[in-house]
C-alpha cells in the first residue's frame, strides 16, 4: 500500500513519544507549508497541527463535501501560504488583517467562493469579486473608500464600520435580499432590486434619503441616521 508522506510524518509524532519537542513540530509545519499536498490532510491531522504548533492555531477548517470553510489571519505567513495554495477549494472564507495585494491574489483563483467575510483590514479598495459570490461581509474597514461592481449572484451585503465609504456601486442588477449598512460618510444608497427583503441602516450620518423600496421588503431598520429626510 502507498502511504502518504504527510501521514507518515504526522503518525511519526507518536513514535517520537514524549521526547518530541515543539521545535520539531515547528520544523515539520514549515515543511508542510511548502508542500502543495497539505490540502490532503484530514480534519484530525489539522487538529494535531493546531494543538502542537502555534503557527496553525488561527486556522479553522471544516470539511464540507471536500470544499473548505476557512477562518484565517492573513498576517500569519504560514497560514496565508496554506490558504493561497488551497483557495480554489475554499467555499466560505473569513479573513482578517489582509492586504490589498493578498486579497486580490486570493480572489483571482477563488472559483468556488460563495461567502466572504473580511475583518480588521486597512485596505481602501476591494478588488474584483468572484462572479459566483453570494454573501459579502466587510467589518472594521475604516480606510475603505472604493468598492467594485457587485456580482449578479450577490444575495447579502454587510458593510459595517466602513466610515470613509461615500458611495456604493449599483445594486439593481444583483440578487440582493439582505443589505446592512453602517457607513458614516455614505451619502446615498443606489436603487435596490425587487428581491430585497431586509434593509438595515445604522449610523449613516451623511445619508439624506432611502431608495425606493420594493413591495416585497419585510424588514426596514434605521438607527442613528441623523441626516435622513423623513
C-alpha atoms as a PDB file:
ATOM      1  CA  UNK A   1       0.000   0.000   0.000  1.00  0.00           C
ATOM      2  CA  UNK A   2       1.124   3.543  -0.730  1.00  0.00           C
ATOM      3  CA  UNK A   3       1.252   5.690   2.398  1.00  0.00           C
ATOM      4  CA  UNK A   4       1.046   9.444   2.008  1.00  0.00           C
ATOM      5  CA  UNK A   5       4.322  11.045   3.254  1.00  0.00           C
ATOM      6  CA  UNK A   6       2.428  13.613   5.328  1.00  0.00           C
ATOM      7  CA  UNK A   7       0.557  10.836   7.126  1.00  0.00           C
ATOM      8  CA  UNK A   8       3.902   9.195   7.862  1.00  0.00           C
ATOM      9  CA  UNK A   9       5.256  12.420   9.330  1.00  0.00           C
ATOM     10  CA  UNK A  10       2.203  13.028  11.489  1.00  0.00           C
ATOM     11  CA  UNK A  11       1.916   9.475  12.708  1.00  0.00           C
ATOM     12  CA  UNK A  12       5.657   9.599  13.308  1.00  0.00           C
ATOM     13  CA  UNK A  13       4.942  12.044  16.094  1.00  0.00           C
ATOM     14  CA  UNK A  14       3.701   9.180  18.248  1.00  0.00           C
ATOM     15  CA  UNK A  15       6.963   7.302  17.536  1.00  0.00           C
ATOM     16  CA  UNK A  16       8.907  10.293  18.794  1.00  0.00           C
ATOM     17  CA  UNK A  17       6.968   9.980  22.025  1.00  0.00           C
ATOM     18  CA  UNK A  18       7.430  12.358  24.904  1.00  0.00           C
ATOM     19  CA  UNK A  19      10.799  13.408  23.584  1.00  0.00           C
ATOM     20  CA  UNK A  20       9.156  15.245  20.674  1.00  0.00           C
ATOM     21  CA  UNK A  21       9.703  18.956  21.163  1.00  0.00           C
ATOM     22  CA  UNK A  22       7.711  21.942  19.964  1.00  0.00           C
ATOM     23  CA  UNK A  23      10.705  22.823  17.781  1.00  0.00           C
ATOM     24  CA  UNK A  24      10.421  19.547  15.878  1.00  0.00           C
ATOM     25  CA  UNK A  25       6.743  20.187  15.230  1.00  0.00           C
ATOM     26  CA  UNK A  26       7.506  23.736  14.140  1.00  0.00           C
ATOM     27  CA  UNK A  27      10.020  22.466  11.582  1.00  0.00           C
ATOM     28  CA  UNK A  28       7.532  19.869  10.401  1.00  0.00           C
ATOM     29  CA  UNK A  29       4.939  22.574   9.805  1.00  0.00           C
ATOM     30  CA  UNK A  30       7.470  24.656   7.890  1.00  0.00           C
ATOM     31  CA  UNK A  31       7.976  21.680   5.580  1.00  0.00           C
ATOM     32  CA  UNK A  32       4.236  21.185   5.233  1.00  0.00           C
ATOM     33  CA  UNK A  33       3.741  24.853   4.463  1.00  0.00           C
ATOM     34  CA  UNK A  34       5.881  24.423   1.352  1.00  0.00           C
ATOM     35  CA  UNK A  35       4.035  21.328   0.225  1.00  0.00           C
ATOM     36  CA  UNK A  36       1.018  21.621  -2.068  1.00  0.00           C
ATOM     37  CA  UNK A  37      -0.260  18.246  -0.810  1.00  0.00           C
ATOM     38  CA  UNK A  38      -1.086  19.876   2.522  1.00  0.00           C
ATOM     39  CA  UNK A  39      -4.636  20.056   1.181  1.00  0.00           C
ATOM     40  CA  UNK A  40      -4.849  16.262   1.601  1.00  0.00           C
ATOM     41  CA  UNK A  41      -4.637  16.477   5.378  1.00  0.00           C
ATOM     42  CA  UNK A  42      -7.601  15.072   7.252  1.00  0.00           C
ATOM     43  CA  UNK A  43      -9.503  17.118   9.876  1.00  0.00           C
ATOM     44  CA  UNK A  44      -7.774  15.021  12.549  1.00  0.00           C
ATOM     45  CA  UNK A  45      -4.346  15.940  11.200  1.00  0.00           C
ATOM     46  CA  UNK A  46      -5.253  19.625  11.109  1.00  0.00           C
ATOM     47  CA  UNK A  47      -6.372  19.315  14.736  1.00  0.00           C
ATOM     48  CA  UNK A  48      -2.978  17.831  15.637  1.00  0.00           C
ATOM     49  CA  UNK A  49      -1.206  20.722  13.927  1.00  0.00           C
ATOM     50  CA  UNK A  50      -3.341  23.311  15.708  1.00  0.00           C
ATOM     51  CA  UNK A  51      -2.676  21.723  19.082  1.00  0.00           C
ATOM     52  CA  UNK A  52       1.068  21.310  18.566  1.00  0.00           C
ATOM     53  CA  UNK A  53       2.068  24.330  16.518  1.00  0.00           C
ATOM     54  CA  UNK A  54       1.299  27.967  17.211  1.00  0.00           C
ATOM     55  CA  UNK A  55       1.637  28.803  13.506  1.00  0.00           C
ATOM     56  CA  UNK A  56      -1.576  26.917  12.806  1.00  0.00           C
ATOM     57  CA  UNK A  57      -3.627  27.845  15.878  1.00  0.00           C
ATOM     58  CA  UNK A  58      -5.526  30.502  13.882  1.00  0.00           C
ATOM     59  CA  UNK A  59      -6.520  28.078  11.118  1.00  0.00           C
ATOM     60  CA  UNK A  60     -10.067  26.735  11.300  1.00  0.00           C
ATOM     61  CA  UNK A  61     -11.121  24.264   8.653  1.00  0.00           C
ATOM     62  CA  UNK A  62     -14.430  22.481   8.117  1.00  0.00           C
ATOM     63  CA  UNK A  63     -14.599  19.719   5.501  1.00  0.00           C
ATOM     64  CA  UNK A  64     -17.882  20.106   3.637  1.00  0.00           C
ATOM     65  CA  UNK A  65     -18.112  17.860   0.586  1.00  0.00           C
ATOM     66  CA  UNK A  66     -14.360  18.383   0.089  1.00  0.00           C
ATOM     67  CA  UNK A  67     -14.815  22.143  -0.010  1.00  0.00           C
ATOM     68  CA  UNK A  68     -13.159  24.077   2.776  1.00  0.00           C
ATOM     69  CA  UNK A  69     -14.697  26.594   5.150  1.00  0.00           C
ATOM     70  CA  UNK A  70     -11.777  28.634   6.451  1.00  0.00           C
ATOM     71  CA  UNK A  71     -11.223  31.289   9.120  1.00  0.00           C
ATOM     72  CA  UNK A  72      -7.713  32.674   8.960  1.00  0.00           C
ATOM     73  CA  UNK A  73      -5.486  35.609   9.920  1.00  0.00           C
ATOM     74  CA  UNK A  74      -3.522  36.681   6.851  1.00  0.00           C
ATOM     75  CA  UNK A  75      -0.723  38.209   8.957  1.00  0.00           C
ATOM     76  CA  UNK A  76       0.368  34.629   9.770  1.00  0.00           C
ATOM     77  CA  UNK A  77       2.711  33.800   6.878  1.00  0.00           C
ATOM     78  CA  UNK A  78       2.408  30.015   7.169  1.00  0.00           C
ATOM     79  CA  UNK A  79      -1.370  30.107   7.369  1.00  0.00           C
ATOM     80  CA  UNK A  80      -1.651  32.503   4.428  1.00  0.00           C
ATOM     81  CA  UNK A  81       0.655  30.296   2.325  1.00  0.00           C
ATOM     82  CA  UNK A  82      -1.582  27.306   3.046  1.00  0.00           C
ATOM     83  CA  UNK A  83      -4.701  29.273   2.152  1.00  0.00           C
ATOM     84  CA  UNK A  84      -3.215  30.650  -1.071  1.00  0.00           C
ATOM     85  CA  UNK A  85      -2.450  27.111  -2.278  1.00  0.00           C
ATOM     86  CA  UNK A  86      -5.915  25.843  -1.386  1.00  0.00           C
ATOM     87  CA  UNK A  87      -8.127  28.789  -2.343  1.00  0.00           C
ATOM     88  CA  UNK A  88      -9.631  27.013  -5.409  1.00  0.00           C
ATOM     89  CA  UNK A  89     -11.299  24.605  -2.943  1.00  0.00           C
ATOM     90  CA  UNK A  90     -12.497  27.227  -0.450  1.00  0.00           C
ATOM     91  CA  UNK A  91     -16.236  27.850  -0.379  1.00  0.00           C
ATOM     92  CA  UNK A  92     -16.533  30.077   2.702  1.00  0.00           C
ATOM     93  CA  UNK A  93     -13.694  32.347   3.834  1.00  0.00           C
ATOM     94  CA  UNK A  94     -13.304  34.641   6.827  1.00  0.00           C
ATOM     95  CA  UNK A  95     -10.049  36.564   6.688  1.00  0.00           C
ATOM     96  CA  UNK A  96      -8.573  39.291   8.882  1.00  0.00           C
ATOM     97  CA  UNK A  97      -5.590  41.635   8.608  1.00  0.00           C
ATOM     98  CA  UNK A  98      -5.330  41.067   4.865  1.00  0.00           C
ATOM     99  CA  UNK A  99      -3.589  43.493   2.498  1.00  0.00           C
ATOM    100  CA  UNK A 100      -4.975  44.580  -0.863  1.00  0.00           C
ATOM    101  CA  UNK A 101      -2.311  42.592  -2.709  1.00  0.00           C
ATOM    102  CA  UNK A 102      -3.022  39.437  -0.701  1.00  0.00           C
ATOM    103  CA  UNK A 103      -6.772  39.717  -1.201  1.00  0.00           C
ATOM    104  CA  UNK A 104      -6.502  40.349  -4.935  1.00  0.00           C
ATOM    105  CA  UNK A 105      -4.204  37.342  -5.380  1.00  0.00           C
ATOM    106  CA  UNK A 106      -6.579  35.106  -3.438  1.00  0.00           C
ATOM    107  CA  UNK A 107      -9.758  36.130  -5.237  1.00  0.00           C
ATOM    108  CA  UNK A 108      -8.297  35.514  -8.696  1.00  0.00           C
ATOM    109  CA  UNK A 109      -8.406  31.757  -8.079  1.00  0.00           C
ATOM    110  CA  UNK A 110     -11.428  31.599  -5.759  1.00  0.00           C
ATOM    111  CA  UNK A 111     -13.614  29.726  -8.231  1.00  0.00           C
ATOM    112  CA  UNK A 112     -15.878  28.131  -5.586  1.00  0.00           C
ATOM    113  CA  UNK A 113     -16.087  31.004  -3.111  1.00  0.00           C
ATOM    114  CA  UNK A 114     -19.676  31.956  -2.237  1.00  0.00           C
ATOM    115  CA  UNK A 115     -19.243  33.521   1.217  1.00  0.00           C
ATOM    116  CA  UNK A 116     -16.534  36.094   2.004  1.00  0.00           C
ATOM    117  CA  UNK A 117     -16.014  37.931   5.298  1.00  0.00           C
ATOM    118  CA  UNK A 118     -13.200  40.471   5.713  1.00  0.00           C
ATOM    119  CA  UNK A 119     -12.460  41.883   9.173  1.00  0.00           C
ATOM    120  CA  UNK A 120      -9.960  44.248  10.754  1.00  0.00           C
ATOM    121  CA  UNK A 121      -8.437  45.319   7.468  1.00  0.00           C
ATOM    122  CA  UNK A 122      -6.882  48.649   6.470  1.00  0.00           C
ATOM    123  CA  UNK A 123      -7.448  48.178   2.720  1.00  0.00           C
ATOM    124  CA  UNK A 124      -9.013  51.171   0.935  1.00  0.00           C
ATOM    125  CA  UNK A 125     -10.426  49.332  -2.083  1.00  0.00           C
ATOM    126  CA  UNK A 126     -11.933  45.964  -2.813  1.00  0.00           C
ATOM    127  CA  UNK A 127     -10.594  44.070  -5.843  1.00  0.00           C
ATOM    128  CA  UNK A 128     -12.844  42.445  -8.418  1.00  0.00           C
ATOM    129  CA  UNK A 129     -15.069  39.921  -6.660  1.00  0.00           C
ATOM    130  CA  UNK A 130     -15.762  36.322  -7.779  1.00  0.00           C
ATOM    131  CA  UNK A 131     -18.821  36.196 -10.034  1.00  0.00           C
ATOM    132  CA  UNK A 132     -20.381  33.367  -8.019  1.00  0.00           C
ATOM    133  CA  UNK A 133     -20.134  35.233  -4.677  1.00  0.00           C
ATOM    134  CA  UNK A 134     -23.440  35.252  -2.767  1.00  0.00           C
ATOM    135  CA  UNK A 135     -22.580  36.791   0.606  1.00  0.00           C
ATOM    136  CA  UNK A 136     -20.079  39.560   1.364  1.00  0.00           C
ATOM    137  CA  UNK A 137     -19.351  40.979   4.811  1.00  0.00           C
ATOM    138  CA  UNK A 138     -16.822  43.722   5.488  1.00  0.00           C
ATOM    139  CA  UNK A 139     -16.368  44.670   9.149  1.00  0.00           C
ATOM    140  CA  UNK A 140     -13.987  47.187  10.674  1.00  0.00           C
ATOM    141  CA  UNK A 141     -12.735  48.630   7.397  1.00  0.00           C
ATOM    142  CA  UNK A 142     -12.011  52.242   8.429  1.00  0.00           C
ATOM    143  CA  UNK A 143      -9.967  53.000   5.295  1.00  0.00           C
ATOM    144  CA  UNK A 144     -12.391  51.515   2.749  1.00  0.00           C
ATOM    145  CA  UNK A 145     -13.216  54.081   0.050  1.00  0.00           C
ATOM    146  CA  UNK A 146     -13.863  52.155  -3.179  1.00  0.00           C
ATOM    147  CA  UNK A 147     -15.920  49.069  -3.959  1.00  0.00           C
ATOM    148  CA  UNK A 148     -16.107  47.200  -7.302  1.00  0.00           C
ATOM    149  CA  UNK A 149     -19.098  46.183  -9.377  1.00  0.00           C
ATOM    150  CA  UNK A 150     -21.144  43.711  -7.357  1.00  0.00           C
ATOM    151  CA  UNK A 151     -21.569  40.162  -8.683  1.00  0.00           C
ATOM    152  CA  UNK A 152     -25.053  39.465 -10.050  1.00  0.00           C
ATOM    153  CA  UNK A 153     -25.265  36.472  -7.699  1.00  0.00           C
ATOM    154  CA  UNK A 154     -24.884  38.635  -4.568  1.00  0.00           C
ATOM    155  CA  UNK A 155     -27.678  37.969  -2.047  1.00  0.00           C
ATOM    156  CA  UNK A 156     -26.315  39.511   1.153  1.00  0.00           C
ATOM    157  CA  UNK A 157     -24.138  42.593   1.644  1.00  0.00           C
ATOM    158  CA  UNK A 158     -22.886  43.804   5.034  1.00  0.00           C
ATOM    159  CA  UNK A 159     -20.693  46.909   5.289  1.00  0.00           C
ATOM    160  CA  UNK A 160     -20.009  47.673   8.944  1.00  0.00           C
ATOM    161  CA  UNK A 161     -17.710  50.386  10.354  1.00  0.00           C
ATOM    162  CA  UNK A 162     -16.649  51.472   6.867  1.00  0.00           C
ATOM    163  CA  UNK A 163     -16.868  55.133   7.802  1.00  0.00           C
ATOM    164  CA  UNK A 164     -14.972  56.607   4.822  1.00  0.00           C
ATOM    165  CA  UNK A 165     -17.048  54.878   2.169  1.00  0.00           C
ATOM    166  CA  UNK A 166     -19.143  57.555   0.435  1.00  0.00           C
ATOM    167  CA  UNK A 167     -20.821  55.675  -2.398  1.00  0.00           C
ATOM    168  CA  UNK A 168     -21.782  52.176  -3.467  1.00  0.00           C
ATOM    169  CA  UNK A 169     -21.688  50.511  -6.842  1.00  0.00           C
ATOM    170  CA  UNK A 170     -25.108  49.875  -8.454  1.00  0.00           C
ATOM    171  CA  UNK A 171     -27.154  47.207  -6.714  1.00  0.00           C
ATOM    172  CA  UNK A 172     -30.138  46.870  -9.021  1.00  0.00           C
ATOM    173  CA  UNK A 173     -28.667  44.096 -11.194  1.00  0.00           C
ATOM    174  CA  UNK A 174     -27.892  41.846  -8.218  1.00  0.00           C
ATOM    175  CA  UNK A 175     -29.998  39.189  -6.470  1.00  0.00           C
ATOM    176  CA  UNK A 176     -29.703  41.115  -3.197  1.00  0.00           C
ATOM    177  CA  UNK A 177     -32.014  40.023  -0.377  1.00  0.00           C
ATOM    178  CA  UNK A 178     -30.284  41.478   2.698  1.00  0.00           C
ATOM    179  CA  UNK A 179     -28.471  44.816   2.955  1.00  0.00           C
ATOM    180  CA  UNK A 180     -26.856  46.094   6.166  1.00  0.00           C
ATOM    181  CA  UNK A 181     -25.007  49.416   6.140  1.00  0.00           C
ATOM    182  CA  UNK A 182     -23.035  51.172   8.876  1.00  0.00           C
ATOM    183  CA  UNK A 183     -21.025  53.760   6.949  1.00  0.00           C
ATOM    184  CA  UNK A 184     -20.779  57.225   8.485  1.00  0.00           C
ATOM    185  CA  UNK A 185     -19.830  59.069   5.255  1.00  0.00           C
ATOM    186  CA  UNK A 186     -22.253  57.249   2.938  1.00  0.00           C
ATOM    187  CA  UNK A 187     -24.342  59.887   1.150  1.00  0.00           C
ATOM    188  CA  UNK A 188     -26.629  57.732  -0.988  1.00  0.00           C
ATOM    189  CA  UNK A 189     -27.944  54.202  -1.369  1.00  0.00           C
ATOM    190  CA  UNK A 190     -28.332  53.321  -5.057  1.00  0.00           C
ATOM    191  CA  UNK A 191     -31.503  51.757  -6.430  1.00  0.00           C
ATOM    192  CA  UNK A 192     -32.137  48.334  -4.939  1.00  0.00           C
ATOM    193  CA  UNK A 193     -33.509  45.234  -6.721  1.00  0.00           C
ATOM    194  CA  UNK A 194     -37.047  43.919  -6.276  1.00  0.00           C
ATOM    195  CA  UNK A 195     -35.570  40.893  -4.499  1.00  0.00           C
ATOM    196  CA  UNK A 196     -34.571  42.956  -1.423  1.00  0.00           C
ATOM    197  CA  UNK A 197     -36.288  41.677   1.728  1.00  0.00           C
ATOM    198  CA  UNK A 198     -34.286  43.328   4.517  1.00  0.00           C
ATOM    199  CA  UNK A 199     -32.665  46.769   4.764  1.00  0.00           C
ATOM    200  CA  UNK A 200     -30.824  47.984   7.855  1.00  0.00           C
ATOM    201  CA  UNK A 201     -29.024  51.328   8.137  1.00  0.00           C
ATOM    202  CA  UNK A 202     -27.167  52.304  11.290  1.00  0.00           C
ATOM    203  CA  UNK A 203     -25.221  55.499  11.986  1.00  0.00           C
ATOM    204  CA  UNK A 204     -25.041  56.602   8.343  1.00  0.00           C
ATOM    205  CA  UNK A 205     -24.858  60.248   9.396  1.00  0.00           C
ATOM    206  CA  UNK A 206     -24.482  61.696   5.885  1.00  0.00           C
ATOM    207  CA  UNK A 207     -27.326  59.693   4.354  1.00  0.00           C
ATOM    208  CA  UNK A 208     -30.117  62.012   3.212  1.00  0.00           C
ATOM    209  CA  UNK A 209     -32.727  59.630   1.841  1.00  0.00           C
ATOM    210  CA  UNK A 210     -33.546  55.989   1.301  1.00  0.00           C
ATOM    211  CA  UNK A 211     -34.001  54.491  -2.156  1.00  0.00           C
ATOM    212  CA  UNK A 212     -37.401  53.426  -3.457  1.00  0.00           C
ATOM    213  CA  UNK A 213     -38.222  50.263  -1.538  1.00  0.00           C
ATOM    214  CA  UNK A 214     -39.689  47.148  -3.184  1.00  0.00           C
ATOM    215  CA  UNK A 215     -43.110  45.843  -2.207  1.00  0.00           C
ATOM    216  CA  UNK A 216     -41.564  42.606  -1.010  1.00  0.00           C
ATOM    217  CA  UNK A 217     -39.488  44.307   1.706  1.00  0.00           C
ATOM    218  CA  UNK A 218     -40.285  42.623   5.036  1.00  0.00           C
ATOM    219  CA  UNK A 219     -37.846  44.411   7.372  1.00  0.00           C
ATOM    220  CA  UNK A 220     -36.685  48.043   7.497  1.00  0.00           C
ATOM    221  CA  UNK A 221     -34.482  49.161  10.398  1.00  0.00           C
ATOM    222  CA  UNK A 222     -32.948  52.638  10.693  1.00  0.00           C
ATOM    223  CA  UNK A 223     -30.855  53.811  13.657  1.00  0.00           C
ATOM    224  CA  UNK A 224     -28.719  56.896  14.206  1.00  0.00           C
ATOM    225  CA  UNK A 225     -29.064  58.273  10.655  1.00  0.00           C
ATOM    226  CA  UNK A 226     -29.483  61.855  11.873  1.00  0.00           C
ATOM    227  CA  UNK A 227     -29.351  63.472   8.401  1.00  0.00           C
ATOM    228  CA  UNK A 228     -32.133  61.346   6.944  1.00  0.00           C
ATOM    229  CA  UNK A 229     -35.016  63.350   5.492  1.00  0.00           C
ATOM    230  CA  UNK A 230     -38.344  61.859   6.503  1.00  0.00           C
END
